[in-house]
N, C-alpha and C. Protein backbone atom coordinates (compact mmCIF):
# COMPACT_ATOMS: atom_id res chain seq x y z
N UNK A 1 -22.01 -8.58 -11.50
CA UNK A 1 -20.32 -8.31 -12.36
C UNK A 1 -20.52 -9.20 -11.43
N UNK A 2 -20.41 -10.40 -12.06
CA UNK A 2 -19.20 -11.80 -11.79
C UNK A 2 -18.27 -11.15 -12.00
N UNK A 3 -16.81 -11.48 -10.85
CA UNK A 3 -15.82 -10.79 -10.48
C UNK A 3 -14.55 -12.37 -11.10
N UNK A 4 -14.04 -10.91 -11.39
CA UNK A 4 -12.80 -11.67 -12.58
C UNK A 4 -11.41 -12.18 -11.63
N UNK A 5 -11.47 -11.59 -10.41
CA UNK A 5 -10.11 -11.47 -9.52
C UNK A 5 -10.71 -11.18 -8.15
N UNK A 6 -10.17 -11.25 -7.14
CA UNK A 6 -10.43 -11.71 -5.77
C UNK A 6 -10.03 -11.13 -5.14
N UNK A 7 -9.05 -10.16 -4.51
CA UNK A 7 -8.66 -9.51 -3.68
C UNK A 7 -8.84 -9.04 -2.69
N UNK A 8 -8.15 -9.39 -1.18
CA UNK A 8 -8.38 -8.66 0.17
C UNK A 8 -7.54 -8.27 1.63
N UNK A 9 -8.08 -7.29 2.15
CA UNK A 9 -7.49 -6.78 2.86
C UNK A 9 -7.40 -7.69 3.75
N UNK A 10 -6.45 -7.68 4.62
CA UNK A 10 -6.35 -8.51 5.19
C UNK A 10 -6.91 -8.35 7.34
N UNK A 11 -6.62 -7.51 7.89
CA UNK A 11 -6.42 -7.61 8.97
C UNK A 11 -7.92 -7.05 9.31
N UNK A 12 -8.69 -7.75 9.82
CA UNK A 12 -10.13 -6.98 10.22
C UNK A 12 -10.89 -7.82 9.56
N UNK A 13 -10.53 -8.53 8.19
CA UNK A 13 -11.19 -8.62 7.21
C UNK A 13 -11.34 -10.05 6.82
N UNK A 14 -10.01 -10.65 6.48
CA UNK A 14 -9.54 -11.96 7.32
C UNK A 14 -8.98 -12.79 8.27
N UNK A 15 -8.70 -12.10 9.06
CA UNK A 15 -7.80 -12.09 10.23
C UNK A 15 -8.10 -11.07 11.47
N UNK A 16 -8.52 -12.14 12.86
CA UNK A 16 -7.75 -10.78 13.82
C UNK A 16 -6.42 -10.60 14.63
N UNK A 17 -5.21 -9.98 14.36
CA UNK A 17 -4.63 -9.87 14.94
C UNK A 17 -3.88 -8.82 15.76
N UNK A 18 -5.14 -8.10 16.06
CA UNK A 18 -5.45 -6.31 17.36
C UNK A 18 -5.03 -7.00 18.50
N UNK A 19 -4.07 -7.98 19.09
CA UNK A 19 -3.46 -8.23 20.25
C UNK A 19 -2.31 -8.64 19.79
N UNK A 20 -1.75 -8.85 18.88
CA UNK A 20 -0.51 -8.88 18.79
C UNK A 20 0.50 -7.34 18.23
N UNK A 21 -0.73 -6.86 17.74
CA UNK A 21 -0.61 -5.44 16.84
C UNK A 21 -0.73 -4.27 18.42
N UNK A 22 -1.32 -4.45 18.66
CA UNK A 22 -2.07 -4.08 20.29
C UNK A 22 -0.54 -3.61 21.18
N UNK A 23 0.18 -4.61 21.74
CA UNK A 23 1.45 -5.19 22.97
C UNK A 23 2.21 -4.26 21.64
N UNK A 24 2.55 -4.61 20.66
CA UNK A 24 4.11 -3.66 20.58
C UNK A 24 3.31 -2.28 19.91
N UNK A 25 2.68 -2.21 20.23
CA UNK A 25 2.80 -0.20 19.77
C UNK A 25 3.09 -0.63 21.29
N UNK A 26 2.40 -0.68 22.40
CA UNK A 26 2.52 -0.74 23.70
C UNK A 26 3.50 -0.39 24.07
N UNK A 27 4.60 -1.20 23.93
CA UNK A 27 6.11 -1.21 24.62
C UNK A 27 6.50 -0.21 23.66
N UNK A 28 6.35 0.37 21.82
CA UNK A 28 6.51 1.22 21.63
C UNK A 28 6.70 2.92 22.87
N UNK A 29 4.70 3.09 23.10
CA UNK A 29 4.33 3.86 23.49
C UNK A 29 5.12 3.88 25.54
N UNK A 30 5.14 2.46 25.16
CA UNK A 30 5.88 2.59 27.05
C UNK A 30 7.34 3.75 27.01
N UNK A 31 8.07 3.38 25.93
CA UNK A 31 9.48 4.07 25.10
C UNK A 31 8.78 5.28 25.41
N UNK A 32 8.26 5.63 24.71
CA UNK A 32 7.83 7.22 24.48
C UNK A 32 7.06 8.37 25.31
N UNK A 33 6.69 7.13 26.35
CA UNK A 33 5.69 7.75 27.48
C UNK A 33 4.06 8.66 27.58
N UNK A 34 3.52 7.59 26.21
CA UNK A 34 2.40 7.91 25.91
C UNK A 34 1.99 6.53 26.68
N UNK A 35 0.50 6.64 26.92
CA UNK A 35 -0.38 5.90 27.17
C UNK A 35 -1.38 4.84 26.46
N UNK A 36 -0.70 3.72 26.88
CA UNK A 36 -1.08 2.00 26.66
C UNK A 36 -2.80 2.51 25.76
N UNK A 37 -2.50 1.74 24.69
CA UNK A 37 -3.90 1.85 24.00
C UNK A 37 -4.61 0.39 23.94
N UNK A 38 -5.61 0.46 24.42
CA UNK A 38 -6.20 -1.11 24.28
C UNK A 38 -6.04 -1.62 22.53
N UNK A 39 -6.73 -2.83 22.71
CA UNK A 39 -7.61 -3.11 21.52
C UNK A 39 -7.94 -3.03 20.49
N UNK A 40 -9.81 -1.97 21.46
CA UNK A 40 -10.38 -1.75 20.78
C UNK A 40 -10.07 -0.55 20.28
N UNK A 41 -8.54 0.19 21.17
CA UNK A 41 -8.28 1.43 20.73
C UNK A 41 -8.35 1.40 19.21
N UNK A 42 -7.17 -0.21 18.85
CA UNK A 42 -5.90 -0.24 18.06
C UNK A 42 -6.73 0.23 16.27
N UNK A 43 -7.88 -0.84 16.89
CA UNK A 43 -8.78 -1.24 15.47
C UNK A 43 -9.14 -0.29 15.44
N UNK A 44 -9.94 0.37 16.22
CA UNK A 44 -10.26 2.08 16.24
C UNK A 44 -9.84 3.25 14.79
N UNK A 45 -7.91 2.95 15.52
CA UNK A 45 -7.69 4.18 14.88
C UNK A 45 -6.64 3.18 14.37
N UNK A 46 -6.08 2.47 13.50
CA UNK A 46 -4.80 2.26 13.01
C UNK A 46 -5.65 1.85 11.47
N UNK A 47 -5.11 2.60 10.97
CA UNK A 47 -5.75 2.60 9.35
C UNK A 47 -4.65 3.27 8.41
N UNK A 48 -3.86 3.98 8.26
CA UNK A 48 -2.17 3.55 7.64
C UNK A 48 -1.43 2.88 7.22
N UNK A 49 -0.46 2.37 6.68
CA UNK A 49 0.94 1.70 7.10
C UNK A 49 1.65 2.59 8.24
N UNK A 50 2.28 2.17 8.67
CA UNK A 50 3.35 2.66 9.87
C UNK A 50 4.36 3.68 9.12
N UNK A 51 4.66 3.72 8.27
CA UNK A 51 5.55 4.08 7.17
C UNK A 51 5.30 5.84 7.68
N UNK A 52 3.53 5.55 7.11
CA UNK A 52 2.83 7.04 6.55
C UNK A 52 2.22 6.75 9.01
N UNK A 53 2.55 6.62 9.25
CA UNK A 53 1.86 6.98 10.97
C UNK A 53 2.72 7.09 12.10
N UNK A 54 3.47 6.72 11.59
CA UNK A 54 5.09 6.73 12.40
C UNK A 54 4.80 8.19 13.19
N UNK A 55 5.57 8.92 11.34
CA UNK A 55 6.55 10.21 11.90
C UNK A 55 5.43 11.19 12.29
N UNK A 56 4.16 10.74 12.34
CA UNK A 56 3.12 11.64 13.03
C UNK A 56 3.16 11.79 14.50
N UNK A 57 3.76 10.72 14.87
CA UNK A 57 3.45 9.56 16.04
C UNK A 57 4.04 9.99 16.58
N UNK A 58 5.25 10.77 16.16
CA UNK A 58 6.94 10.77 17.12
C UNK A 58 8.19 10.88 16.80
N UNK A 59 7.71 11.76 15.76
CA UNK A 59 8.52 12.88 15.48
C UNK A 59 10.02 12.01 14.43
N UNK A 60 10.70 12.53 14.93
CA UNK A 60 12.54 12.69 14.81
C UNK A 60 12.35 11.55 15.29
N UNK A 61 11.85 10.67 15.75
CA UNK A 61 12.55 9.42 16.12
C UNK A 61 11.87 8.43 16.09
N UNK A 62 10.76 8.64 15.25
CA UNK A 62 9.67 7.81 14.42
C UNK A 62 10.52 6.13 14.22
N UNK A 63 12.02 6.57 13.34
CA UNK A 63 13.19 4.89 13.03
C UNK A 63 13.05 4.31 13.80
N UNK A 64 13.38 4.98 15.20
CA UNK A 64 13.38 3.91 17.00
C UNK A 64 12.39 3.53 16.68
N UNK A 65 11.45 4.18 16.93
CA UNK A 65 9.80 3.88 17.07
C UNK A 65 9.04 2.45 16.31
N UNK A 66 9.67 2.61 14.76
CA UNK A 66 9.96 1.31 14.22
C UNK A 66 10.35 0.60 14.46
N UNK A 67 11.60 0.37 14.68
CA UNK A 67 12.02 -0.28 15.10
C UNK A 67 12.14 -1.59 16.33
N UNK A 68 12.11 -0.53 17.51
CA UNK A 68 11.16 -0.89 19.17
C UNK A 68 9.97 -1.75 18.20
N UNK A 69 8.37 -1.42 17.37
CA UNK A 69 7.32 -2.14 17.32
C UNK A 69 7.72 -3.40 16.83
N UNK A 70 8.80 -3.21 15.09
CA UNK A 70 8.70 -4.47 15.10
C UNK A 70 9.42 -5.23 15.13
N UNK A 71 10.16 -5.40 15.88
CA UNK A 71 11.59 -6.17 17.44
C UNK A 71 9.42 -6.84 17.83
N UNK A 72 9.44 -6.24 18.75
CA UNK A 72 7.99 -6.92 19.65
C UNK A 72 7.27 -7.66 18.84
N UNK A 73 7.32 -6.94 17.39
CA UNK A 73 5.46 -7.74 16.92
C UNK A 73 6.34 -8.79 16.00
N UNK A 74 7.87 -9.64 15.69
CA UNK A 74 8.19 -10.42 15.19
C UNK A 74 8.34 -11.41 16.70
N UNK A 75 8.24 -11.09 17.50
CA UNK A 75 8.78 -12.21 18.60
C UNK A 75 7.45 -12.85 19.02
N UNK A 76 6.53 -11.96 19.07
CA UNK A 76 4.72 -12.79 19.43
C UNK A 76 3.59 -12.10 18.36
N UNK A 77 3.82 -11.58 16.48
CA UNK A 77 2.46 -11.50 16.25
C UNK A 77 1.52 -13.03 15.75
N UNK A 78 2.74 -14.32 15.84
CA UNK A 78 1.74 -15.10 15.46
C UNK A 78 1.04 -16.06 16.00
N UNK A 79 0.97 -15.93 17.34
CA UNK A 79 1.00 -16.63 18.64
C UNK A 79 -0.51 -16.15 18.79
N UNK A 80 -0.57 -14.97 17.93
CA UNK A 80 -2.26 -14.04 18.56
C UNK A 80 -3.25 -14.15 16.87
N UNK A 81 -2.46 -14.18 15.45
CA UNK A 81 -2.92 -14.11 15.02
C UNK A 81 -4.15 -15.11 14.42
N UNK A 82 -5.43 -15.30 14.07
CA UNK A 82 -6.42 -15.53 13.71
C UNK A 82 -7.40 -15.75 12.53
N UNK A 83 -7.91 -16.78 12.22
CA UNK A 83 -8.92 -16.86 10.76
C UNK A 83 -9.69 -15.51 11.60
N UNK A 84 -10.64 -15.05 11.41
CA UNK A 84 -11.99 -13.89 11.12
C UNK A 84 -13.33 -15.01 11.23
N UNK A 85 -14.26 -15.45 11.95
CA UNK A 85 -15.41 -16.02 11.20
C UNK A 85 -15.94 -16.01 10.22
N UNK A 86 -16.15 -17.82 9.61
CA UNK A 86 -16.27 -18.04 8.57
C UNK A 86 -15.75 -17.47 7.21
N UNK A 87 -13.89 -17.57 7.60
CA UNK A 87 -13.22 -17.05 6.39
C UNK A 87 -12.95 -17.78 6.24
N UNK A 88 -12.62 -18.75 6.20
CA UNK A 88 -11.94 -20.14 5.77
C UNK A 88 -12.86 -20.82 4.34
N UNK A 89 -14.69 -20.19 4.53
CA UNK A 89 -14.87 -20.93 3.68
C UNK A 89 -15.28 -19.84 2.73
N UNK A 90 -14.86 -18.70 3.04
CA UNK A 90 -14.60 -17.80 2.14
C UNK A 90 -13.24 -18.01 1.18
N UNK A 91 -13.17 -18.37 1.78
CA UNK A 91 -11.84 -18.57 0.93
C UNK A 91 -11.60 -19.80 0.36
N UNK A 92 -12.48 -20.70 0.73
CA UNK A 92 -12.51 -21.48 -0.02
C UNK A 92 -13.61 -21.72 -1.64
N UNK A 93 -14.98 -20.62 -1.34
CA UNK A 93 -15.68 -20.35 -2.18
C UNK A 93 -14.77 -19.79 -3.44
N UNK A 94 -13.89 -18.58 -3.27
CA UNK A 94 -13.23 -17.80 -3.17
C UNK A 94 -11.45 -18.62 -4.77
N UNK A 95 -12.07 -20.05 -4.45
CA UNK A 95 -10.44 -20.67 -5.09
C UNK A 95 -11.22 -20.37 -7.14
N UNK A 96 -12.68 -20.27 -7.13
CA UNK A 96 -12.78 -20.51 -8.19
C UNK A 96 -12.17 -19.00 -9.48
N UNK A 97 -11.21 -18.43 -8.93
CA UNK A 97 -11.22 -16.99 -9.41
C UNK A 97 -9.51 -17.17 -8.36
N UNK A 98 -9.21 -16.45 -8.95
CA UNK A 98 -7.24 -15.33 -8.68
C UNK A 98 -7.35 -14.64 -7.64
N UNK A 99 -6.84 -15.21 -6.66
CA UNK A 99 -6.47 -14.49 -5.54
C UNK A 99 -5.85 -14.02 -4.78
N UNK A 100 -6.33 -13.01 -4.15
CA UNK A 100 -5.08 -12.17 -3.95
C UNK A 100 -4.92 -11.27 -2.31
N UNK A 101 -4.35 -10.48 -1.51
CA UNK A 101 -3.94 -10.21 -0.39
C UNK A 101 -3.20 -9.20 -1.21
N UNK A 102 -4.02 -7.51 -0.48
CA UNK A 102 -3.60 -6.33 -0.17
C UNK A 102 -3.72 -5.25 1.29
N UNK A 103 -2.70 -5.55 1.43
CA UNK A 103 -2.73 -5.44 3.17
C UNK A 103 -1.95 -3.81 3.38
N UNK A 104 -2.09 -2.78 4.24
CA UNK A 104 -1.34 -1.96 4.73
C UNK A 104 -0.17 -3.31 6.34
N UNK A 105 -0.22 -3.58 6.23
CA UNK A 105 0.17 -4.58 7.20
C UNK A 105 1.44 -5.35 7.15
N UNK A 106 2.90 -4.33 7.63
CA UNK A 106 4.44 -4.82 6.59
C UNK A 106 4.55 -6.29 5.87
N UNK A 107 4.76 -6.12 4.78
CA UNK A 107 4.70 -7.26 3.76
C UNK A 107 5.51 -8.77 4.38
N UNK A 108 7.40 -8.28 5.01
CA UNK A 108 7.12 -9.45 5.65
C UNK A 108 6.50 -10.49 6.89
N UNK A 109 5.71 -9.10 7.36
CA UNK A 109 4.39 -10.27 8.24
C UNK A 109 3.56 -10.80 8.11
N UNK A 110 2.82 -9.84 7.30
CA UNK A 110 1.74 -10.67 6.12
C UNK A 110 2.12 -12.00 5.57
N UNK A 111 3.22 -12.10 4.86
CA UNK A 111 3.61 -13.45 4.51
C UNK A 111 4.11 -14.69 4.93
N UNK A 112 4.25 -14.14 6.64
CA UNK A 112 4.33 -15.07 8.03
C UNK A 112 2.91 -15.25 8.38
N UNK A 113 2.59 -14.29 8.44
CA UNK A 113 1.13 -14.64 9.15
C UNK A 113 0.30 -15.47 7.57
N UNK A 114 0.56 -15.82 6.94
CA UNK A 114 -0.36 -15.78 5.87
C UNK A 114 0.12 -17.89 5.77
N UNK A 115 1.42 -17.76 5.83
CA UNK A 115 1.89 -19.16 5.87
C UNK A 115 1.59 -19.97 7.45
N UNK A 116 1.52 -19.23 7.69
CA UNK A 116 1.06 -20.18 9.69
C UNK A 116 0.13 -20.23 9.42
N UNK A 117 -0.31 -19.71 8.56
CA UNK A 117 -2.67 -20.37 8.96
C UNK A 117 -2.53 -21.44 7.19
N UNK A 118 -1.68 -22.03 6.84
CA UNK A 118 -2.25 -22.07 5.89
C UNK A 118 -2.47 -22.18 4.89
N UNK A 119 -2.49 -21.18 4.84
CA UNK A 119 -3.00 -20.15 3.34
C UNK A 119 -2.42 -19.65 2.70
N UNK A 120 -1.25 -20.58 2.19
CA UNK A 120 -0.74 -20.12 0.92
C UNK A 120 -1.44 -20.95 -0.41
N UNK A 121 -1.58 -21.68 -0.89
CA UNK A 121 -2.70 -22.38 -1.65
C UNK A 121 -4.32 -21.10 -2.09
N UNK A 122 -4.29 -20.59 -1.37
CA UNK A 122 -4.61 -19.64 -1.18
C UNK A 122 -4.34 -17.84 -2.61
N UNK A 123 -3.90 -17.86 -2.38
CA UNK A 123 -3.19 -17.04 -2.86
C UNK A 123 -3.02 -17.28 -3.75
N UNK A 124 -1.68 -15.74 -4.78
CA UNK A 124 -1.58 -15.72 -5.59
C UNK A 124 -0.46 -14.15 -5.02
N UNK A 125 -0.45 -12.82 -5.20
CA UNK A 125 0.31 -11.43 -4.53
C UNK A 125 -0.07 -12.37 -3.88
N UNK A 126 0.81 -11.44 -2.66
CA UNK A 126 0.32 -11.35 -1.21
C UNK A 126 1.21 -9.57 -0.77
N UNK A 127 0.62 -9.07 -1.03
CA UNK A 127 1.07 -7.54 -1.31
C UNK A 127 1.01 -6.96 0.93
N UNK A 128 2.17 -6.03 1.12
CA UNK A 128 2.11 -5.29 2.45
C UNK A 128 2.51 -4.34 2.46
N UNK A 129 2.55 -3.43 3.31
CA UNK A 129 3.01 -2.79 3.36
C UNK A 129 4.61 -2.18 2.91
N UNK A 130 5.60 -1.13 1.79
CA UNK A 130 6.68 -1.18 1.39
C UNK A 130 7.33 -2.27 0.52
N UNK A 131 6.18 -2.87 0.05
CA UNK A 131 6.30 -3.54 -0.84
C UNK A 131 5.64 -3.17 -2.16
N UNK A 132 5.07 -1.71 -2.24
CA UNK A 132 4.98 -0.91 -3.08
C UNK A 132 5.81 -0.31 -2.68
N UNK A 133 5.69 1.05 -3.77
CA UNK A 133 6.75 2.61 -3.40
C UNK A 133 5.60 3.21 -2.79
N UNK A 134 4.39 3.39 -2.07
CA UNK A 134 3.25 3.62 -1.78
C UNK A 134 2.20 2.85 -1.34
N UNK A 135 1.71 3.31 0.51
CA UNK A 135 0.70 2.43 0.61
C UNK A 135 -0.74 2.59 0.62
N UNK A 136 -1.20 1.89 1.08
CA UNK A 136 -3.05 2.11 0.78
C UNK A 136 -2.92 3.34 1.70
N UNK A 137 -4.14 4.46 1.49
CA UNK A 137 -5.05 4.29 0.32
C UNK A 137 -4.38 4.71 -1.24
N UNK A 138 -3.32 5.13 -1.37
CA UNK A 138 -2.33 4.97 -2.93
C UNK A 138 -3.59 3.72 -3.37
N UNK A 139 -3.15 3.33 -5.04
CA UNK A 139 -3.50 2.67 -5.18
C UNK A 139 -2.40 1.85 -5.81
N UNK A 140 -0.98 2.27 -4.81
CA UNK A 140 0.41 1.14 -6.28
C UNK A 140 0.45 0.30 -5.32
N UNK A 141 -0.05 -0.75 -3.85
CA UNK A 141 -0.88 -1.33 -3.89
C UNK A 141 -1.31 -2.94 -4.88
N UNK A 142 -2.98 -2.13 -5.50
CA UNK A 142 -3.41 -3.04 -5.27
C UNK A 142 -2.74 -3.03 -7.38
N UNK A 143 -2.12 -2.36 -7.07
CA UNK A 143 -2.00 -2.16 -9.24
C UNK A 143 -0.59 -2.72 -9.13
N UNK A 144 0.33 -2.72 -8.00
CA UNK A 144 1.70 -3.87 -7.90
C UNK A 144 1.06 -5.24 -8.10
N UNK A 145 -0.41 -5.56 -7.39
CA UNK A 145 -1.16 -7.16 -7.13
C UNK A 145 -2.09 -7.89 -8.97
N UNK A 146 -2.07 -6.30 -9.36
CA UNK A 146 -2.39 -6.41 -10.92
C UNK A 146 -2.03 -7.30 -11.34
N UNK A 147 -0.78 -6.74 -11.60
CA UNK A 147 0.28 -6.83 -12.66
C UNK A 147 0.73 -8.25 -12.33
N UNK A 148 0.48 -8.82 -10.75
CA UNK A 148 0.94 -9.64 -10.49
C UNK A 148 1.01 -10.61 -11.69
N UNK A 149 -0.69 -10.59 -11.79
CA UNK A 149 -1.21 -11.48 -11.97
C UNK A 149 -1.62 -11.40 -13.21
N UNK A 150 -1.62 -10.11 -13.83
CA UNK A 150 -1.32 -10.00 -15.08
C UNK A 150 -3.42 -9.68 -15.74
N UNK A 151 -3.31 -8.99 -14.80
CA UNK A 151 -4.61 -8.29 -15.14
C UNK A 151 -5.60 -7.21 -15.00
N UNK A 152 -5.79 -6.39 -16.32
CA UNK A 152 -5.96 -4.85 -15.56
C UNK A 152 -6.84 -4.92 -14.65
N UNK A 153 -6.85 -3.46 -13.47
CA UNK A 153 -7.80 -2.55 -13.30
C UNK A 153 -9.24 -2.48 -14.47
N UNK A 154 -10.47 -3.25 -13.25
CA UNK A 154 -11.44 -2.31 -13.90
C UNK A 154 -11.93 -3.25 -13.36
N UNK A 155 -14.07 -2.75 -13.39
CA UNK A 155 -15.35 -3.73 -11.68
C UNK A 155 -15.08 -4.84 -12.45
N UNK A 156 -14.51 -5.68 -12.97
CA UNK A 156 -14.60 -7.07 -12.65
C UNK A 156 -13.65 -7.44 -11.00
N UNK A 157 -11.95 -6.37 -11.57
CA UNK A 157 -11.49 -6.88 -9.97
C UNK A 157 -12.53 -6.07 -9.15
N UNK A 158 -12.49 -7.39 -7.97
CA UNK A 158 -13.25 -6.80 -6.06
C UNK A 158 -12.23 -6.71 -5.31
N UNK A 159 -12.49 -5.09 -5.25
CA UNK A 159 -10.70 -5.39 -3.46
C UNK A 159 -12.05 -5.45 -2.64
N UNK A 160 -11.58 -6.83 -1.69
CA UNK A 160 -12.64 -6.63 -0.14
C UNK A 160 -12.03 -6.39 0.89
N UNK A 161 -13.02 -5.05 1.98
CA UNK A 161 -12.61 -4.88 2.94
C UNK A 161 -13.20 -4.46 3.98
N UNK A 162 -12.44 -3.77 4.68
CA UNK A 162 -14.10 -3.75 6.56
C UNK A 162 -14.09 -2.21 6.39
N UNK A 163 -12.94 -1.02 6.13
CA UNK A 163 -12.71 0.22 6.31
C UNK A 163 -13.01 1.09 5.35
N UNK A 164 -13.22 2.29 5.47
CA UNK A 164 -13.51 2.32 4.71
C UNK A 164 -12.72 3.10 4.13
N UNK A 165 -11.32 3.12 4.35
CA UNK A 165 -9.95 3.26 3.44
C UNK A 165 -9.25 2.01 2.38
N UNK A 166 -9.62 0.84 3.05
CA UNK A 166 -10.55 0.09 1.70
C UNK A 166 -11.20 0.27 1.10
N UNK A 167 -11.62 1.08 0.74
CA UNK A 167 -13.35 1.73 -0.24
C UNK A 167 -12.33 2.57 -1.27
N UNK A 168 -11.49 3.19 -0.15
CA UNK A 168 -10.99 4.78 -1.22
C UNK A 168 -9.50 4.47 -2.07
N UNK A 169 -8.98 2.71 -1.03
CA UNK A 169 -8.00 2.29 -2.48
C UNK A 169 -8.24 1.56 -3.60
N UNK A 170 -9.63 0.82 -3.45
CA UNK A 170 -10.33 -0.02 -4.30
C UNK A 170 -11.08 1.74 -5.55
N UNK A 171 -11.52 2.85 -4.71
CA UNK A 171 -11.77 3.66 -5.93
C UNK A 171 -10.53 3.97 -6.72
N UNK A 172 -9.50 4.05 -6.01
CA UNK A 172 -8.22 4.58 -6.28
C UNK A 172 -7.61 4.29 -7.29
N UNK A 173 -7.81 2.85 -7.00
CA UNK A 173 -7.38 1.90 -8.50
C UNK A 173 -9.04 1.30 -9.97
N UNK A 174 -9.62 1.96 -9.42
CA UNK A 174 -10.62 1.43 -10.90
C UNK A 174 -10.87 0.72 -10.64
N UNK A 175 -10.92 -0.13 -9.71
CA UNK A 175 -11.30 -1.73 -9.42
C UNK A 175 -13.08 -1.55 -8.29
N UNK A 176 -14.12 -2.82 -7.78
CA UNK A 176 -14.63 -2.12 -7.35
C UNK A 176 -14.63 -2.81 -5.95
N UNK A 177 -15.13 -1.94 -5.44
CA UNK A 177 -15.03 -1.28 -3.92
C UNK A 177 -16.40 -3.28 -3.29
N UNK A 178 -15.28 -3.73 -2.09
CA UNK A 178 -16.48 -4.48 -1.72
C UNK A 178 -16.03 -4.40 0.31
N UNK A 179 -17.44 -3.52 1.26
CA UNK A 179 -17.31 -4.14 1.84
C UNK A 179 -17.74 -5.10 2.61
N UNK A 180 -17.20 -5.97 3.77
CA UNK A 180 -17.72 -6.82 3.94
C UNK A 180 -17.16 -6.52 6.25
N UNK A 181 -18.61 -6.45 6.71
CA UNK A 181 -19.15 -5.73 7.62
C UNK A 181 -19.38 -5.27 7.50
N UNK A 182 -19.85 -4.36 9.21
CA UNK A 182 -20.49 -3.08 8.90
C UNK A 182 -20.04 -1.59 9.01
N UNK A 183 -18.51 -2.02 9.04
CA UNK A 183 -17.20 -0.42 9.41
C UNK A 183 -17.51 0.17 10.52
N UNK A 184 -18.57 -0.70 11.96
CA UNK A 184 -19.17 -0.06 12.94
C UNK A 184 -17.81 1.24 13.76
N UNK A 185 -16.36 0.31 12.86
CA UNK A 185 -15.68 1.13 13.89
C UNK A 185 -14.29 2.02 12.93
N UNK A 186 -15.34 2.36 11.56
CA UNK A 186 -14.64 3.08 10.85
C UNK A 186 -16.05 4.00 10.07
N UNK A 187 -17.08 4.69 11.28
CA UNK A 187 -18.11 5.12 10.48
C UNK A 187 -19.23 5.18 9.52
N UNK A 188 -19.23 4.12 9.91
CA UNK A 188 -20.97 2.57 9.66
C UNK A 188 -20.76 2.65 7.47
N UNK A 189 -21.68 1.77 7.46
CA UNK A 189 -21.48 1.99 5.49
C UNK A 189 -21.39 2.38 4.59
N UNK A 190 -22.14 3.63 5.55
CA UNK A 190 -22.88 4.94 4.17
C UNK A 190 -21.73 5.76 4.26
N UNK A 191 -20.87 6.04 5.18
CA UNK A 191 -19.08 6.91 5.38
C UNK A 191 -18.06 6.00 3.77
N UNK A 192 -18.28 4.34 4.47
CA UNK A 192 -17.20 3.94 3.12
C UNK A 192 -18.03 3.45 1.86
N UNK A 193 -18.68 3.43 1.73
CA UNK A 193 -19.67 4.13 0.55
C UNK A 193 -19.44 3.13 -0.76
N UNK A 194 -19.59 1.97 -0.19
CA UNK A 194 -18.99 1.08 -1.09
C UNK A 194 -19.41 0.71 -2.35
N UNK A 195 -19.28 -0.03 -3.13
CA UNK A 195 -20.23 -0.65 -4.74
C UNK A 195 -20.87 -1.26 -4.79
N UNK A 196 -19.85 -2.29 -3.41
CA UNK A 196 -20.98 -3.44 -3.17
C UNK A 196 -20.76 -3.86 -1.50
N UNK A 197 -21.93 -4.27 -1.24
CA UNK A 197 -22.03 -3.92 0.99
C UNK A 197 -22.53 -5.95 0.77
N UNK A 198 -21.27 -6.82 1.59
CA UNK A 198 -22.02 -8.11 2.50
C UNK A 198 -21.79 -7.80 3.99
N UNK A 199 -22.83 -7.73 4.55
CA UNK A 199 -22.58 -7.93 6.01
C UNK A 199 -22.07 -8.57 6.84
N UNK A 200 -21.90 -10.28 6.00
CA UNK A 200 -21.49 -11.21 7.19
C UNK A 200 -20.32 -11.37 5.49
N UNK A 201 -19.57 -12.61 6.68
CA UNK A 201 -18.73 -13.50 5.39
C UNK A 201 -19.83 -14.40 5.32
N UNK A 202 -20.64 -15.26 5.71
CA UNK A 202 -21.34 -16.60 5.51
C UNK A 202 -22.78 -16.26 4.10
N UNK A 203 -22.27 -14.33 3.69
CA UNK A 203 -22.83 -13.71 2.52
C UNK A 203 -22.44 -13.46 1.26
N UNK A 204 -21.63 -13.22 2.18
CA UNK A 204 -19.77 -13.16 0.81
C UNK A 204 -19.74 -14.68 0.24
N UNK A 205 -19.80 -15.35 1.01
CA UNK A 205 -19.21 -16.38 0.31
C UNK A 205 -20.68 -17.38 -0.56
N UNK A 206 -22.43 -17.15 0.22
CA UNK A 206 -22.90 -17.56 -0.98
C UNK A 206 -22.97 -16.75 -1.71
N UNK A 207 -22.86 -15.58 -2.26
CA UNK A 207 -23.06 -14.60 -2.71
C UNK A 207 -21.12 -15.37 -4.34
N UNK A 208 -20.19 -15.98 -3.53
CA UNK A 208 -19.48 -16.50 -4.57
C UNK A 208 -20.22 -17.86 -5.07
N UNK A 209 -20.54 -18.58 -4.22
CA UNK A 209 -20.84 -19.71 -4.79
C UNK A 209 -21.61 -20.02 -5.94
N UNK A 210 -22.82 -18.80 -5.66
CA UNK A 210 -23.77 -18.66 -6.91
C UNK A 210 -22.68 -17.76 -8.05
N UNK A 211 -22.28 -17.14 -8.64
CA UNK A 211 -21.03 -16.56 -9.47
C UNK A 211 -19.70 -17.44 -9.80
N UNK A 212 -20.34 -18.99 -9.19
CA UNK A 212 -19.09 -19.10 -9.62
C UNK A 212 -19.30 -20.66 -10.77
């Protein structure tokens, strides 16, 4: 089925920003006496948004942890963010459709990164954590993006991501769950259970060219 809208996750789908996130987390961990994480630890463990994860990690002091994290991230996240290989070609091919981003990265940081990469022209809605009433895997941020585009949620809307949580979000919103990559850091393709699977950005770009 030809899509009518392309919506994307951000981190590890369109960009690699794990180094910046890891550095900011380790500032917080040092303050709280926790062991530091490696980049791979962050990639394997970070799924839900800060407001959904930090209370469990830091208890009553989670808001202090949040402030430390954002202060550190603000200073250096643009130094680390870079496109995933082949993704620029995907976004060019995707210009045949309305495109947007729905991420669990805080909205202000997400939009700065989009601008830093010169990608504003690719996207209509750019929805991050805190922009909607709830964050992924709740469908609220996807619904907000579709409201911006004046589109209904149906199978012609593709939500493209790299994790099981992204696929859960798509299903909760009633749109097509599209996995890019093998979700090797998240239990694999079988666990993610996408509606459509593209092993590489090249395979996604090729399909979009054929459907345009």
